[in-house]
């Protein structure tokens, strides 16, 4: 061995060829890596550019999305809208609910289903959160939820109602004379009027007459209403002229007869003035007394 030699290996030509071949492979790997990196960058840009749609928000308890409204405006815009519906001539029902109320959540889909039924298309059906109806709830004596305020029947139905019971309540609106109450009305004995003069003329006339003075928001007036309607349509008291007028349209009449509360019934016979709610037997006895006097 030569003293100047440190390493014994293959000839220089063989080493050069191996280095040449290894350099080509490295170059190929670099190109492939660059292509993959570029594709990854493009995919990242596309993913950032395309935003996934936000999940739809759930409505509050008892509420219905505006987009779901059809022929009826289920969610009232304000307390005024609910109050106007309850004082309108047509049949109306207002569902007062609370977000925390479990029975309200159970009643909500039933109310919504019946609101879409053609059977009840003649009824204005509204819902209102109790936090937006404090004055209305106080006026109507609402003590719990759900509470359904109506322009017919009992005027106020409190508590959860299964579908068959709620359907029966709604169906009773069509059974009421004229479909629903009006704030000012004369029964089957005459036409609708807001005239105090017509009422006062009936009280001054020769025919036995009775005037039912009521007031919107009066709970006892609402309880008296179905008894009044039943008597007016029964045929038993056709000899008595039965008239009804809202107290806000009869201030002169109220002042002349010393009316200080509602319901009050004025007559040209019998005791002349009957104050307060009268249950069925008392009410019929009053009409009998007026009719025979």
Protein backbone atom coordinates (compact mmCIF):
# COMPACT_ATOMS: atom_id res chain seq x y z
CA UNK A 1 0.00 0.00 0.00
CA UNK A 2 1.28 3.45 -0.85
CA UNK A 3 1.87 5.57 2.23
CA UNK A 4 -0.02 8.50 0.64
CA UNK A 5 -3.25 6.44 0.25
CA UNK A 6 -5.96 6.77 2.96
CA UNK A 7 -8.91 5.11 1.32
CA UNK A 8 -9.44 2.19 -0.89
CA UNK A 9 -12.73 2.20 -2.89
CA UNK A 10 -14.22 1.92 -6.33
CA UNK A 11 -12.81 3.80 -9.24
CA UNK A 12 -13.60 7.52 -9.60
CA UNK A 13 -15.75 6.95 -12.67
CA UNK A 14 -18.09 4.64 -10.73
CA UNK A 15 -18.56 7.14 -7.88
CA UNK A 16 -19.35 9.91 -10.31
CA UNK A 17 -22.07 7.91 -11.97
CA UNK A 18 -23.70 7.13 -8.63
CA UNK A 19 -23.68 10.79 -7.59
CA UNK A 20 -25.20 11.75 -10.89
CA UNK A 21 -28.03 9.24 -10.47
CA UNK A 22 -28.74 10.34 -6.83
CA UNK A 23 -28.94 14.00 -7.85
CA UNK A 24 -31.75 13.23 -10.33
CA UNK A 25 -33.84 11.52 -7.68
CA UNK A 26 -33.48 14.43 -5.29
CA UNK A 27 -34.51 16.82 -8.01
CA UNK A 28 -37.65 14.77 -8.68
CA UNK A 29 -38.54 14.74 -5.01
CA UNK A 30 -38.15 18.50 -4.79
CA UNK A 31 -40.45 19.03 -7.77
CA UNK A 32 -43.10 16.68 -6.35
CA UNK A 33 -42.94 18.40 -2.96
CA UNK A 34 -43.40 21.77 -4.60
CA UNK A 35 -46.43 20.60 -6.52
CA UNK A 36 -48.05 19.12 -3.40
CA UNK A 37 -47.34 22.31 -1.45
CA UNK A 38 -48.95 24.40 -4.16
CA UNK A 39 -52.05 22.19 -4.22
CA UNK A 40 -52.31 22.44 -0.42
CA UNK A 41 -52.12 26.24 -0.56
CA UNK A 42 -54.85 26.37 -3.22
CA UNK A 43 -57.13 24.09 -1.18
CA UNK A 44 -56.60 26.24 1.92
CA UNK A 45 -57.52 29.40 -0.01
CA UNK A 46 -60.67 27.74 -1.36
CA UNK A 47 -61.70 26.56 2.11
CA UNK A 48 -61.26 30.03 3.58
CA UNK A 49 -63.15 31.67 0.71
CA UNK A 50 -66.21 29.39 0.99
CA UNK A 51 -67.96 30.06 4.30
CA UNK A 52 -70.25 27.38 5.63
CA UNK A 53 -73.83 28.63 6.29
CA UNK A 54 -74.67 29.43 9.90
CA UNK A 55 -77.09 27.00 11.54
CA UNK A 56 -80.64 28.37 11.79
CA UNK A 57 -81.45 29.91 15.15
CA UNK A 58 -84.29 28.38 17.13
CA UNK A 59 -87.28 30.59 17.92
CA UNK A 60 -87.98 31.60 21.50
CA UNK A 61 -90.41 29.44 23.45
CA UNK A 62 -93.95 30.02 22.25
CA UNK A 63 -92.76 32.21 19.36
CA UNK A 64 -93.13 31.51 15.65
CA UNK A 65 -90.63 32.74 12.99
CA UNK A 66 -91.91 35.56 10.83
CA UNK A 67 -91.15 33.52 7.72
CA UNK A 68 -93.64 30.89 8.92
CA UNK A 69 -96.56 33.32 8.89
CA UNK A 70 -99.33 32.51 6.46
CA UNK A 71 -102.90 33.73 6.56
CA UNK A 72 -102.68 34.55 10.28
CA UNK A 73 -100.19 36.73 12.15
CA UNK A 74 -99.53 34.42 15.05
CA UNK A 75 -96.90 36.52 16.84
CA UNK A 76 -98.39 39.92 17.65
CA UNK A 77 -96.13 42.89 17.01
CA UNK A 78 -97.28 44.69 20.14
CA UNK A 79 -99.75 44.76 22.99
CA UNK A 80 -101.77 47.25 20.96
CA UNK A 81 -102.22 44.75 18.13
CA UNK A 82 -103.56 42.17 20.58
CA UNK A 83 -105.82 44.71 22.27
CA UNK A 84 -107.18 45.89 18.89
CA UNK A 85 -107.96 42.31 17.89
CA UNK A 86 -109.89 41.71 21.12
CA UNK A 87 -111.94 44.87 20.62
CA UNK A 88 -112.68 44.28 16.93
CA UNK A 89 -116.07 43.05 15.65
CA UNK A 90 -114.75 39.69 14.46
CA UNK A 91 -113.82 36.62 16.47
CA UNK A 92 -110.31 36.78 17.95
CA UNK A 93 -108.17 34.84 20.40
CA UNK A 94 -104.87 35.91 21.99
CA UNK A 95 -102.52 33.27 23.42
CA UNK A 96 -100.50 34.84 26.27
CA UNK A 97 -97.38 32.78 27.01
CA UNK A 98 -94.15 32.92 29.00
CA UNK A 99 -90.74 31.69 27.80
CA UNK A 100 -90.19 29.68 30.99
CA UNK A 101 -93.63 28.03 30.91
CA UNK A 102 -93.57 24.33 30.04
CA UNK A 103 -97.33 24.14 29.43
CA UNK A 104 -97.01 27.08 27.01
CA UNK A 105 -94.45 25.11 24.99
CA UNK A 106 -96.84 22.17 24.89
CA UNK A 107 -99.75 24.40 23.81
CA UNK A 108 -97.77 26.23 21.12
CA UNK A 109 -97.74 23.55 18.37
CA UNK A 110 -101.43 22.81 19.00
CA UNK A 111 -102.32 26.49 18.66
CA UNK A 112 -100.20 26.80 15.49
CA UNK A 113 -101.78 23.70 13.94
CA UNK A 114 -105.34 24.90 14.55
CA UNK A 115 -104.46 28.38 13.30
CA UNK A 116 -103.67 26.83 9.91
CA UNK A 117 -106.94 24.89 9.79
CA UNK A 118 -109.50 26.18 7.25
CA UNK A 119 -112.12 25.37 9.88
CA UNK A 120 -111.03 28.41 11.91
CA UNK A 121 -110.12 30.84 9.14
CA UNK A 122 -112.76 33.25 10.44
CA UNK A 123 -110.91 33.65 13.77
CA UNK A 124 -108.05 36.09 14.25
CA UNK A 125 -105.43 34.09 16.16
CA UNK A 126 -102.52 35.87 17.86
CA UNK A 127 -99.77 35.05 20.33
CA UNK A 128 -98.04 37.51 22.64
CA UNK A 129 -95.20 37.12 25.13
CA UNK A 130 -96.39 37.99 28.63
CA UNK A 131 -93.43 40.36 29.07
CA UNK A 132 -94.98 42.53 26.34
CA UNK A 133 -98.53 42.29 27.68
CA UNK A 134 -98.30 43.43 31.29
CA UNK A 135 -101.09 46.01 31.04
CA UNK A 136 -103.41 43.67 29.12
CA UNK A 137 -102.76 40.85 31.61
CA UNK A 138 -103.52 43.15 34.53
CA UNK A 139 -106.76 44.38 32.93
CA UNK A 140 -107.96 40.84 32.20
CA UNK A 141 -106.95 39.41 35.57
CA UNK A 142 -104.37 36.99 34.15
CA UNK A 143 -102.75 35.01 36.97
CA UNK A 144 -101.01 32.17 35.12
CA UNK A 145 -99.88 30.84 31.76
CA UNK A 146 -100.84 29.86 29.23
CA UNK A 147 -103.92 32.09 29.15
CA UNK A 148 -106.16 32.44 26.09
CA UNK A 149 -108.19 35.65 25.82
CA UNK A 150 -111.20 35.49 23.50
CA UNK A 151 -113.98 37.69 22.21
CA UNK A 152 -116.57 34.99 22.89
CA UNK A 153 -117.55 32.45 25.51
CA UNK A 154 -115.89 32.85 28.90
CA UNK A 155 -113.51 35.47 27.52
CA UNK A 156 -110.54 33.94 29.33
CA UNK A 157 -109.30 30.34 29.41
CA UNK A 158 -106.35 29.62 31.69
CA UNK A 159 -104.10 26.58 31.59
CA UNK A 160 -102.99 23.99 29.06
CA UNK A 161 -105.68 22.67 26.73
CA UNK A 162 -105.22 19.47 24.74
CA UNK A 163 -106.09 19.67 21.07
CA UNK A 164 -109.67 18.42 21.43
CA UNK A 165 -110.49 21.00 24.11
CA UNK A 166 -108.82 23.87 22.24
CA UNK A 167 -110.66 22.85 19.09
CA UNK A 168 -113.94 22.92 21.02
CA UNK A 169 -113.22 26.41 22.36
CA UNK A 170 -112.47 27.68 18.85
CA UNK A 171 -115.54 25.96 17.44
CA UNK A 172 -117.73 27.71 20.03
CA UNK A 173 -116.90 31.06 18.38
CA UNK A 174 -118.90 30.05 15.33
CA UNK A 175 -121.80 28.94 17.53
CA UNK A 176 -122.12 32.31 19.26
CA UNK A 177 -124.80 34.64 17.84
CA UNK A 178 -123.19 36.78 15.16
CA UNK A 179 -119.99 34.72 15.40
CA UNK A 180 -118.48 36.86 18.16
CA UNK A 181 -119.24 39.71 20.50
CA UNK A 182 -119.08 43.34 19.52
CA UNK A 183 -118.23 46.05 21.94
CA UNK A 184 -121.57 47.67 21.12
CA UNK A 185 -124.46 45.54 20.00
CA UNK A 186 -128.19 45.10 20.14
CA UNK A 187 -129.31 41.46 20.14
CA UNK A 188 -131.70 39.73 17.75
CA UNK A 189 -134.49 42.22 18.64
CA UNK A 190 -132.77 44.99 16.67
CA UNK A 191 -129.78 46.03 14.58
CA UNK A 192 -126.30 47.05 15.69
CA UNK A 193 -125.99 50.55 17.08
CA UNK A 194 -123.68 52.84 19.03
CA UNK A 195 -126.46 55.31 19.69
CA UNK A 196 -127.30 56.18 23.29
CA UNK A 197 -130.43 57.83 21.96
CA UNK A 198 -131.74 54.53 20.57
CA UNK A 199 -131.06 52.78 23.89
CA UNK A 200 -132.68 55.56 25.91
CA UNK A 201 -135.71 55.51 23.59
CA UNK A 202 -136.15 51.78 24.23
CA UNK A 203 -136.02 52.35 27.99
CA UNK A 204 -138.63 55.10 27.64
CA UNK A 205 -140.88 53.04 25.34
CA UNK A 206 -143.94 50.89 26.18
CA UNK A 207 -142.31 47.52 25.43
CA UNK A 208 -140.43 45.79 28.29
CA UNK A 209 -136.75 46.47 27.69
CA UNK A 210 -133.43 45.64 29.30
CA UNK A 211 -130.03 47.12 28.48
CA UNK A 212 -126.83 45.19 29.19
CA UNK A 213 -124.07 47.75 29.83
CA UNK A 214 -120.64 46.11 29.54
CA UNK A 215 -117.04 47.27 29.29
CA UNK A 216 -114.07 45.86 27.39
CA UNK A 217 -111.67 44.21 29.82
CA UNK A 218 -114.38 43.52 32.41
CA UNK A 219 -114.10 39.91 33.58
CA UNK A 220 -117.63 39.68 34.98
CA UNK A 221 -119.01 41.16 31.74
CA UNK A 222 -117.27 38.35 29.86
CA UNK A 223 -118.83 35.78 32.18
CA UNK A 224 -122.27 37.37 31.74
CA UNK A 225 -122.01 37.45 27.93
CA UNK A 226 -122.78 33.78 27.12
CA UNK A 227 -125.81 33.84 29.45
CA UNK A 228 -127.05 36.99 27.72
CA UNK A 229 -126.52 35.49 24.25
CA UNK A 230 -128.26 32.26 25.19
CA UNK A 231 -131.30 34.10 26.56
CA UNK A 232 -131.48 36.40 23.53
CA UNK A 233 -131.51 33.46 21.11
CA UNK A 234 -133.72 31.11 23.15
CA UNK A 235 -137.06 32.62 22.07
CA UNK A 236 -138.28 32.64 25.69
CA UNK A 237 -137.93 36.41 25.98
CA UNK A 238 -139.07 37.68 22.58
CA UNK A 239 -141.52 39.96 24.41
CA UNK A 240 -138.56 41.76 26.03
CA UNK A 241 -136.43 44.11 23.96
CA UNK A 242 -132.85 43.13 24.79
CA UNK A 243 -130.16 45.66 23.99
CA UNK A 244 -126.42 45.78 24.67
CA UNK A 245 -124.07 48.75 24.66
CA UNK A 246 -120.46 49.34 25.63
CA UNK A 247 -120.12 51.64 28.64
CA UNK A 248 -117.61 53.88 26.84
CA UNK A 249 -120.35 54.77 24.33
CA UNK A 250 -122.99 55.36 27.01
CA UNK A 251 -121.58 57.96 29.39
CA UNK A 252 -124.74 60.05 29.43
CA UNK A 253 -126.83 56.96 30.10
CA UNK A 254 -124.46 55.87 32.88
CA UNK A 255 -124.56 59.32 34.49
CA UNK A 256 -128.36 59.50 34.26
CA UNK A 257 -128.80 56.13 35.97
CA UNK A 258 -125.91 56.33 38.42
CA UNK A 259 -123.93 53.48 36.87
CA UNK A 260 -120.59 53.11 38.63
CA UNK A 261 -119.55 49.56 37.68
CA UNK A 262 -120.02 46.79 35.15
CA UNK A 263 -121.89 44.76 34.25
CA UNK A 264 -125.02 46.78 34.94
CA UNK A 265 -128.43 46.06 33.42
CA UNK A 266 -130.98 48.83 33.11
CA UNK A 267 -134.66 48.24 32.54
CA UNK A 268 -137.95 50.10 32.30
CA UNK A 269 -139.56 47.39 34.43
CA UNK A 270 -138.86 45.59 37.69
CA UNK A 271 -135.99 46.94 39.80
CA UNK A 272 -134.92 49.24 36.94
CA UNK A 273 -131.21 48.67 37.69
CA UNK A 274 -129.42 45.35 38.26
CA UNK A 275 -125.77 45.64 39.24
CA UNK A 276 -123.13 42.94 38.94
CA UNK A 277 -122.81 39.48 37.45
CA UNK A 278 -125.94 37.35 37.54
CA UNK A 279 -125.66 33.57 37.49
CA UNK A 280 -128.00 31.59 35.26
CA UNK A 281 -130.95 31.18 37.69
CA UNK A 282 -130.74 34.82 38.88
CA UNK A 283 -130.40 36.08 35.33
CA UNK A 284 -133.48 34.24 34.09
CA UNK A 285 -135.46 35.35 37.15
CA UNK A 286 -134.50 38.95 36.34
CA UNK A 287 -135.70 38.62 32.73
CA UNK A 288 -138.94 36.95 33.86
CA UNK A 289 -139.55 39.79 36.30
CA UNK A 290 -138.91 42.41 33.60
CA UNK A 291 -141.11 40.59 31.06
CA UNK A 292 -144.18 40.24 33.27
CA UNK A 293 -144.07 43.61 35.03
